[in-house]
Amino acid sequence: MQTQSLDQGQAEAIAARLQQVLDEAGRVIVGQREMLEGLLLGLVADGHILLEGVPGLAKTLAVRTLAQTVKAGFRRIQFTPDLLPADIIGTTVYRRETGDFTVKLGPIFSSIILADEINRAPAKVQSALLEAMQERQVTIGEQTFPLPDPFLVLATQNPIEQEGTYPLPEAQVDRFLLKLRVRYPDRQEEKLILERMSTGAAPQADPVIDPQDIAEFRRAAEAVFVDEKIKTYILDLVFATREPRRYGLDLEPLINYGASPRATLALVRLARARALLQGRAFVVPEDIKAVGHGAMRHRLLLSYEAEARDLDSDALIDMLFETVAVP
């Protein structure tokens, strides 16, 4: 079924409503515009988000604040080494009065899930979360339960602490539509944080949208026009990570595995959401560049040589954008 096209007036109207969400979140979060926009893009593009940054950069507060702007269920799950799958998805409970088992649903059954310090949980817990993220359902015993719609996992992890952590499986990392790297605030922003948070109660965000609004935003994003030249540009960027010499890039010694087809789909979905956030009914190359790092940085498996040269995935993606021809 063909998606109905979106006109410019509709795009601008939706952009104004999305801006309300950013403004409301900005009452609580100082700066971190890139992170807030990334969270909103994930909400509109219907994809899970991984936030990476050192402690104290308001990752958890940002997720909680976004949830406050949406009239939907929100649960925070603190991941620890002793966490069990049943602690997340639920389990069967024996009822002595009736002599049978009943299912007790876990905290995963909520619209917005904050998976705090996700890399502290062992493999069994990651596997349970993987089904929920990919299939939007949970299996408990012999029964399968659908998760609510919308369903969004916003996970945080600390990149500098290794003790007591478990590296996320590549298959699970690939399920995240977007990986955001959270930076330190600048001096002016940190002064504002000091003034806002050191006196009185911390501000709280108010709900401005509901699940019906989210469904409307997602339908609109799917209707954003993507020209064939833009699709070719996206394919060139992704294939340049797999066949770099074909595009004049000497990256073969630096990349063990290039971006998967999920990167192609992620770039399209995020670019459409970003165009909508900008009030446009069509995607432009700047949209691809704006979301490119978040869509691909966790989908490149770098070699030891890249690490030896102190090159990360962001640096290689910069090379892609500098080299691959823009339509």
Protein backbone atom coordinates (compact mmCIF):
# COMPACT_ATOMS: atom_id res chain seq x y z
CA MET A 1 0.00 0.00 0.00
CA GLN A 2 1.43 3.36 -1.04
CA THR A 3 1.87 5.95 1.69
CA GLN A 4 -0.06 9.18 1.15
CA SER A 5 2.26 12.07 0.32
CA LEU A 6 2.92 14.81 2.85
CA ASP A 7 2.54 18.46 1.87
CA GLN A 8 4.72 21.30 3.14
CA GLY A 9 1.99 22.79 5.32
CA GLN A 10 1.47 19.52 7.17
CA ALA A 11 5.22 19.16 7.68
CA GLU A 12 5.50 22.63 9.16
CA ALA A 13 2.54 22.05 11.49
CA ILE A 14 4.04 18.82 12.82
CA ALA A 15 7.46 20.47 13.18
CA ALA A 16 5.87 23.12 15.41
CA ARG A 17 4.40 20.40 17.65
CA LEU A 18 7.73 18.58 17.82
CA GLN A 19 9.39 21.86 18.74
CA GLN A 20 7.01 22.06 21.71
CA VAL A 21 8.46 18.78 22.97
CA LEU A 22 12.01 20.12 22.64
CA ASP A 23 11.06 23.37 24.36
CA GLU A 24 9.42 21.53 27.24
CA ALA A 25 12.44 19.24 27.65
CA GLY A 26 14.67 22.32 27.49
CA ARG A 27 13.01 23.62 30.66
CA VAL A 28 14.72 20.76 32.49
CA ILE A 29 17.80 19.89 30.42
CA VAL A 30 20.39 22.62 29.91
CA GLY A 31 22.07 22.45 26.50
CA GLN A 32 22.54 18.92 25.09
CA ARG A 33 20.48 19.93 22.06
CA GLU A 34 21.98 17.16 19.94
CA MET A 35 21.00 14.52 22.50
CA LEU A 36 17.45 15.84 22.88
CA GLU A 37 16.94 16.00 19.13
CA GLY A 38 18.35 12.50 18.79
CA LEU A 39 15.90 11.17 21.38
CA LEU A 40 13.04 12.84 19.54
CA LEU A 41 14.23 11.44 16.20
CA GLY A 42 14.20 7.94 17.68
CA LEU A 43 10.66 8.50 18.96
CA VAL A 44 9.44 9.68 15.54
CA ALA A 45 11.41 7.07 13.56
CA ASP A 46 10.25 4.26 15.89
CA GLY A 47 13.70 3.02 16.84
CA HIS A 48 15.62 2.24 20.02
CA ILE A 49 18.48 4.49 21.11
CA LEU A 50 21.78 3.85 22.86
CA LEU A 51 23.25 6.81 24.75
CA GLU A 52 26.94 6.66 25.59
CA GLY A 53 28.73 9.11 27.83
CA VAL A 54 30.60 9.51 31.09
CA PRO A 55 28.58 9.83 34.32
CA GLY A 56 26.93 13.13 35.14
CA LEU A 57 25.93 14.27 31.63
CA ALA A 58 22.16 14.04 32.25
CA LYS A 59 21.59 10.91 30.13
CA THR A 60 19.13 9.41 32.60
CA LEU A 61 17.52 12.79 33.27
CA ALA A 62 17.08 13.41 29.54
CA VAL A 63 15.30 10.08 29.02
CA ARG A 64 13.07 10.65 32.04
CA THR A 65 12.29 14.17 30.85
CA LEU A 66 11.35 12.94 27.37
CA ALA A 67 9.03 10.40 28.98
CA GLN A 68 7.43 13.18 31.02
CA THR A 69 6.56 15.08 27.83
CA VAL A 70 4.63 12.03 26.55
CA LYS A 71 1.40 10.80 28.14
CA ALA A 72 2.57 7.19 28.08
CA GLY A 73 3.88 4.58 30.47
CA PHE A 74 7.49 4.88 31.62
CA ARG A 75 9.67 2.46 33.58
CA ARG A 76 13.30 2.68 34.61
CA ILE A 77 15.28 -0.56 34.90
CA GLN A 78 18.64 -0.39 36.63
CA PHE A 79 20.87 -3.04 35.08
CA THR A 80 23.19 -4.89 37.49
CA PRO A 81 25.35 -8.04 37.23
CA ASP A 82 22.87 -10.06 39.32
CA LEU A 83 19.84 -9.09 37.23
CA LEU A 84 17.78 -11.99 35.85
CA PRO A 85 15.64 -12.13 32.70
CA ALA A 86 12.55 -12.59 34.88
CA ASP A 87 13.33 -9.26 36.56
CA ILE A 88 12.74 -7.58 33.20
CA ILE A 89 10.17 -9.57 31.25
CA GLY A 90 8.29 -11.24 34.12
CA THR A 91 7.76 -14.84 35.19
CA THR A 92 5.18 -17.48 36.08
CA VAL A 93 4.04 -17.53 39.70
CA TYR A 94 2.50 -20.54 41.47
CA ARG A 95 -0.78 -19.76 43.22
CA ARG A 96 -1.25 -22.11 46.13
CA GLU A 97 -4.94 -21.24 46.51
CA THR A 98 -5.84 -22.43 43.00
CA GLY A 99 -2.96 -24.86 42.37
CA ASP A 100 -2.03 -23.32 39.02
CA PHE A 101 0.50 -20.90 37.60
CA THR A 102 -0.23 -17.32 36.58
CA VAL A 103 1.95 -14.91 34.64
CA LYS A 104 3.31 -11.83 36.37
CA LEU A 105 4.40 -9.30 33.75
CA GLY A 106 7.67 -7.45 34.25
CA PRO A 107 8.58 -3.77 33.90
CA ILE A 108 9.34 -4.20 30.17
CA PHE A 109 5.58 -3.83 29.57
CA SER A 110 5.64 -0.07 29.28
CA SER A 111 5.84 2.35 26.36
CA ILE A 112 9.16 4.01 27.23
CA ILE A 113 11.85 1.92 28.90
CA LEU A 114 14.99 3.42 30.38
CA ALA A 115 17.61 0.65 30.45
CA ASP A 116 20.12 2.34 32.73
CA GLU A 117 23.73 1.14 32.45
CA ILE A 118 22.67 -1.61 30.09
CA ASN A 119 26.18 -3.05 29.77
CA ARG A 120 26.18 -4.15 33.43
CA ALA A 121 23.80 -7.05 32.78
CA PRO A 122 24.94 -10.56 31.73
CA ALA A 123 24.22 -12.33 28.45
CA LYS A 124 20.94 -13.99 29.51
CA VAL A 125 19.41 -10.64 30.34
CA GLN A 126 20.66 -9.16 27.06
CA SER A 127 19.04 -12.05 25.15
CA ALA A 128 15.70 -11.45 26.85
CA LEU A 129 15.88 -7.76 26.02
CA LEU A 130 16.85 -8.54 22.42
CA GLU A 131 13.56 -10.31 21.68
CA ALA A 132 11.63 -7.41 23.15
CA MET A 133 13.55 -4.86 21.07
CA GLN A 134 13.39 -6.74 17.77
CA GLU A 135 10.10 -8.60 17.88
CA ARG A 136 8.14 -6.16 20.08
CA GLN A 137 6.96 -9.16 22.07
CA VAL A 138 7.99 -11.20 25.11
CA THR A 139 7.81 -14.95 25.71
CA ILE A 140 7.15 -16.10 29.29
CA GLY A 141 6.93 -19.84 29.67
CA GLU A 142 4.78 -21.05 26.77
CA GLN A 143 2.95 -17.78 26.27
CA THR A 144 3.88 -14.82 24.07
CA PHE A 145 2.73 -11.32 24.96
CA PRO A 146 2.80 -8.28 22.65
CA LEU A 147 4.42 -5.14 24.01
CA PRO A 148 2.56 -1.82 24.03
CA ASP A 149 2.60 0.57 21.09
CA PRO A 150 4.61 2.75 21.13
CA PHE A 151 7.50 0.77 22.60
CA LEU A 152 10.90 2.43 22.86
CA VAL A 153 14.07 1.30 24.64
CA LEU A 154 16.40 4.13 25.59
CA ALA A 155 19.59 2.60 26.98
CA THR A 156 22.57 4.26 28.62
CA GLN A 157 26.11 3.01 29.04
CA ASN A 158 29.35 4.35 30.49
CA PRO A 159 32.26 3.98 28.02
CA ILE A 160 35.11 4.47 30.49
CA GLU A 161 34.28 1.90 33.16
CA GLN A 162 35.03 -1.74 32.33
CA GLU A 163 34.97 -3.51 35.71
CA GLY A 164 31.67 -5.31 36.30
CA THR A 165 30.44 -4.72 32.76
CA TYR A 166 29.55 -7.02 29.88
CA PRO A 167 30.16 -5.82 26.29
CA LEU A 168 26.90 -5.73 24.35
CA PRO A 169 26.61 -8.42 21.65
CA GLU A 170 27.06 -7.06 18.13
CA ALA A 171 23.60 -8.39 17.20
CA GLN A 172 22.02 -6.35 19.97
CA VAL A 173 23.99 -3.19 19.24
CA ASP A 174 22.82 -3.41 15.62
CA ARG A 175 19.20 -3.34 16.85
CA PHE A 176 19.64 0.20 18.11
CA LEU A 177 18.48 2.59 15.42
CA LEU A 178 20.70 5.33 16.79
CA LYS A 179 23.76 5.61 19.00
CA LEU A 180 24.28 9.02 20.57
CA ARG A 181 27.55 10.14 22.15
CA VAL A 182 26.83 12.63 24.91
CA ARG A 183 29.40 15.40 25.27
CA TYR A 184 30.36 17.68 28.14
CA PRO A 185 28.45 20.98 28.34
CA ASP A 186 30.33 24.17 27.57
CA ARG A 187 31.21 26.67 30.30
CA GLN A 188 28.13 28.85 29.82
CA GLU A 189 25.80 25.84 29.88
CA GLU A 190 27.44 24.47 33.00
CA LYS A 191 27.00 27.82 34.74
CA LEU A 192 23.29 27.67 33.89
CA ILE A 193 23.15 24.12 35.26
CA LEU A 194 24.72 25.41 38.47
CA GLU A 195 22.18 28.21 38.79
CA ARG A 196 19.17 26.06 37.89
CA MET A 197 19.95 22.95 39.92
CA SER A 198 21.55 24.37 43.05
CA THR A 199 18.54 26.36 44.28
CA GLY A 200 15.10 24.96 45.03
CA ALA A 201 13.39 21.95 43.51
CA ALA A 202 14.49 20.77 40.08
CA PRO A 203 12.01 21.70 37.30
CA GLN A 204 9.72 19.03 35.85
CA ALA A 205 8.47 18.70 32.28
CA ASP A 206 4.75 18.59 31.52
CA PRO A 207 3.08 16.25 29.00
CA VAL A 208 2.57 17.85 25.59
CA ILE A 209 1.94 14.82 23.33
CA ASP A 210 0.31 11.40 23.68
CA PRO A 211 0.61 8.01 21.90
CA GLN A 212 -1.91 9.09 19.25
CA ASP A 213 0.32 12.06 18.42
CA ILE A 214 3.34 9.77 18.14
CA ALA A 215 1.45 7.51 15.73
CA GLU A 216 0.55 10.59 13.65
CA PHE A 217 4.18 11.77 13.61
CA ARG A 218 5.35 8.35 12.47
CA ARG A 219 2.83 8.20 9.63
CA ALA A 220 3.91 11.66 8.55
CA ALA A 221 7.59 10.69 8.65
CA GLU A 222 6.89 7.68 6.42
CA ALA A 223 5.28 10.06 3.92
CA VAL A 224 8.32 12.37 3.71
CA PHE A 225 9.59 12.27 0.12
CA VAL A 226 13.00 10.69 -0.58
CA ASP A 227 14.35 11.36 -4.06
CA GLU A 228 16.13 8.62 -6.01
CA LYS A 229 19.36 10.66 -5.86
CA ILE A 230 19.13 10.72 -2.06
CA LYS A 231 18.61 6.95 -2.00
CA THR A 232 21.69 6.54 -4.20
CA TYR A 233 23.67 8.76 -1.84
CA ILE A 234 22.65 6.61 1.13
CA LEU A 235 23.63 3.42 -0.69
CA ASP A 236 26.98 4.94 -1.68
CA LEU A 237 27.74 5.85 1.95
CA VAL A 238 26.90 2.37 3.23
CA PHE A 239 28.70 0.51 0.43
CA ALA A 240 31.76 2.71 0.91
CA THR A 241 32.17 1.06 4.33
CA ARG A 242 32.22 -2.37 2.64
CA GLU A 243 34.05 -1.56 -0.61
CA PRO A 244 36.07 1.57 0.25
CA ARG A 245 38.52 1.31 -2.69
CA ARG A 246 35.65 1.55 -5.12
CA TYR A 247 34.99 5.03 -3.75
CA GLY A 248 38.61 6.15 -3.59
CA LEU A 249 39.00 5.48 0.14
CA ASP A 250 41.91 3.63 1.72
CA LEU A 251 39.91 2.22 4.62
CA GLU A 252 40.21 -1.54 4.06
CA PRO A 253 42.94 -1.98 6.73
CA LEU A 254 40.80 -0.02 9.22
CA ILE A 255 37.38 -1.70 8.88
CA ASN A 256 36.89 -5.40 9.54
CA TYR A 257 33.16 -5.32 8.80
CA GLY A 258 31.22 -2.54 7.13
CA ALA A 259 27.74 -1.28 7.95
CA SER A 260 24.87 -3.76 7.68
CA PRO A 261 21.68 -3.24 5.64
CA ARG A 262 20.12 -1.98 8.87
CA ALA A 263 22.35 1.08 8.46
CA THR A 264 20.73 1.80 5.08
CA LEU A 265 17.25 1.54 6.57
CA ALA A 266 18.28 3.58 9.62
CA LEU A 267 19.63 6.41 7.46
CA VAL A 268 16.37 6.61 5.51
CA ARG A 269 14.14 6.51 8.59
CA LEU A 270 16.21 9.01 10.56
CA ALA A 271 16.61 11.36 7.60
CA ARG A 272 12.84 11.41 7.12
CA ALA A 273 12.29 12.12 10.81
CA ARG A 274 14.93 14.86 10.74
CA ALA A 275 13.35 16.48 7.68
CA LEU A 276 10.01 16.47 9.50
CA LEU A 277 11.62 18.03 12.58
CA GLN A 278 12.97 20.77 10.29
CA GLY A 279 9.51 21.37 8.82
CA ARG A 280 10.21 19.88 5.39
CA ALA A 281 8.21 17.31 3.41
CA PHE A 282 11.32 16.07 1.61
CA VAL A 283 14.82 14.84 2.53
CA VAL A 284 17.96 16.80 1.59
CA PRO A 285 21.62 15.66 1.82
CA GLU A 286 22.09 17.72 5.00
CA ASP A 287 19.59 15.42 6.71
CA ILE A 288 21.76 12.41 5.86
CA LYS A 289 24.87 14.15 7.19
CA ALA A 290 23.07 15.18 10.38
CA VAL A 291 22.02 11.62 11.26
CA GLY A 292 24.88 9.71 9.62
CA HIS A 293 27.15 9.39 12.64
CA GLY A 294 24.35 8.26 14.94
CA ALA A 295 23.08 5.71 12.42
CA MET A 296 26.45 4.18 11.51
CA ARG A 297 28.97 4.65 14.34
CA HIS A 298 27.87 1.46 16.11
CA ARG A 299 27.62 -0.55 12.90
CA LEU A 300 31.28 -0.38 11.90
CA LEU A 301 33.59 -3.02 13.33
CA LEU A 302 37.05 -1.46 13.31
CA SER A 303 40.38 -3.28 13.10
CA TYR A 304 43.26 -3.19 15.57
CA GLU A 305 45.10 -0.97 13.09
CA ALA A 306 42.40 1.68 13.43
CA GLU A 307 42.75 1.54 17.20
CA ALA A 308 46.52 1.76 16.88
CA ARG A 309 46.10 4.93 14.82
CA ASP A 310 43.69 6.28 17.46
CA LEU A 311 40.85 6.41 14.92
CA ASP A 312 37.27 5.79 15.98
CA SER A 313 34.19 5.18 13.86
CA ASP A 314 33.27 8.87 13.88
CA ALA A 315 36.59 9.75 12.24
CA LEU A 316 36.01 7.17 9.49
CA ILE A 317 32.46 8.40 8.90
CA ASP A 318 33.88 11.91 8.53
CA MET A 319 36.09 10.54 5.75
CA LEU A 320 33.04 9.02 4.06
CA PHE A 321 31.19 12.32 4.01
CA GLU A 322 34.26 14.13 2.71
CA THR A 323 34.76 11.66 -0.14
CA VAL A 324 31.41 10.29 -1.28
CA ALA A 325 29.83 12.59 -3.87
CA VAL A 326 26.83 14.58 -2.67
CA PRO A 327 23.84 14.75 -5.06
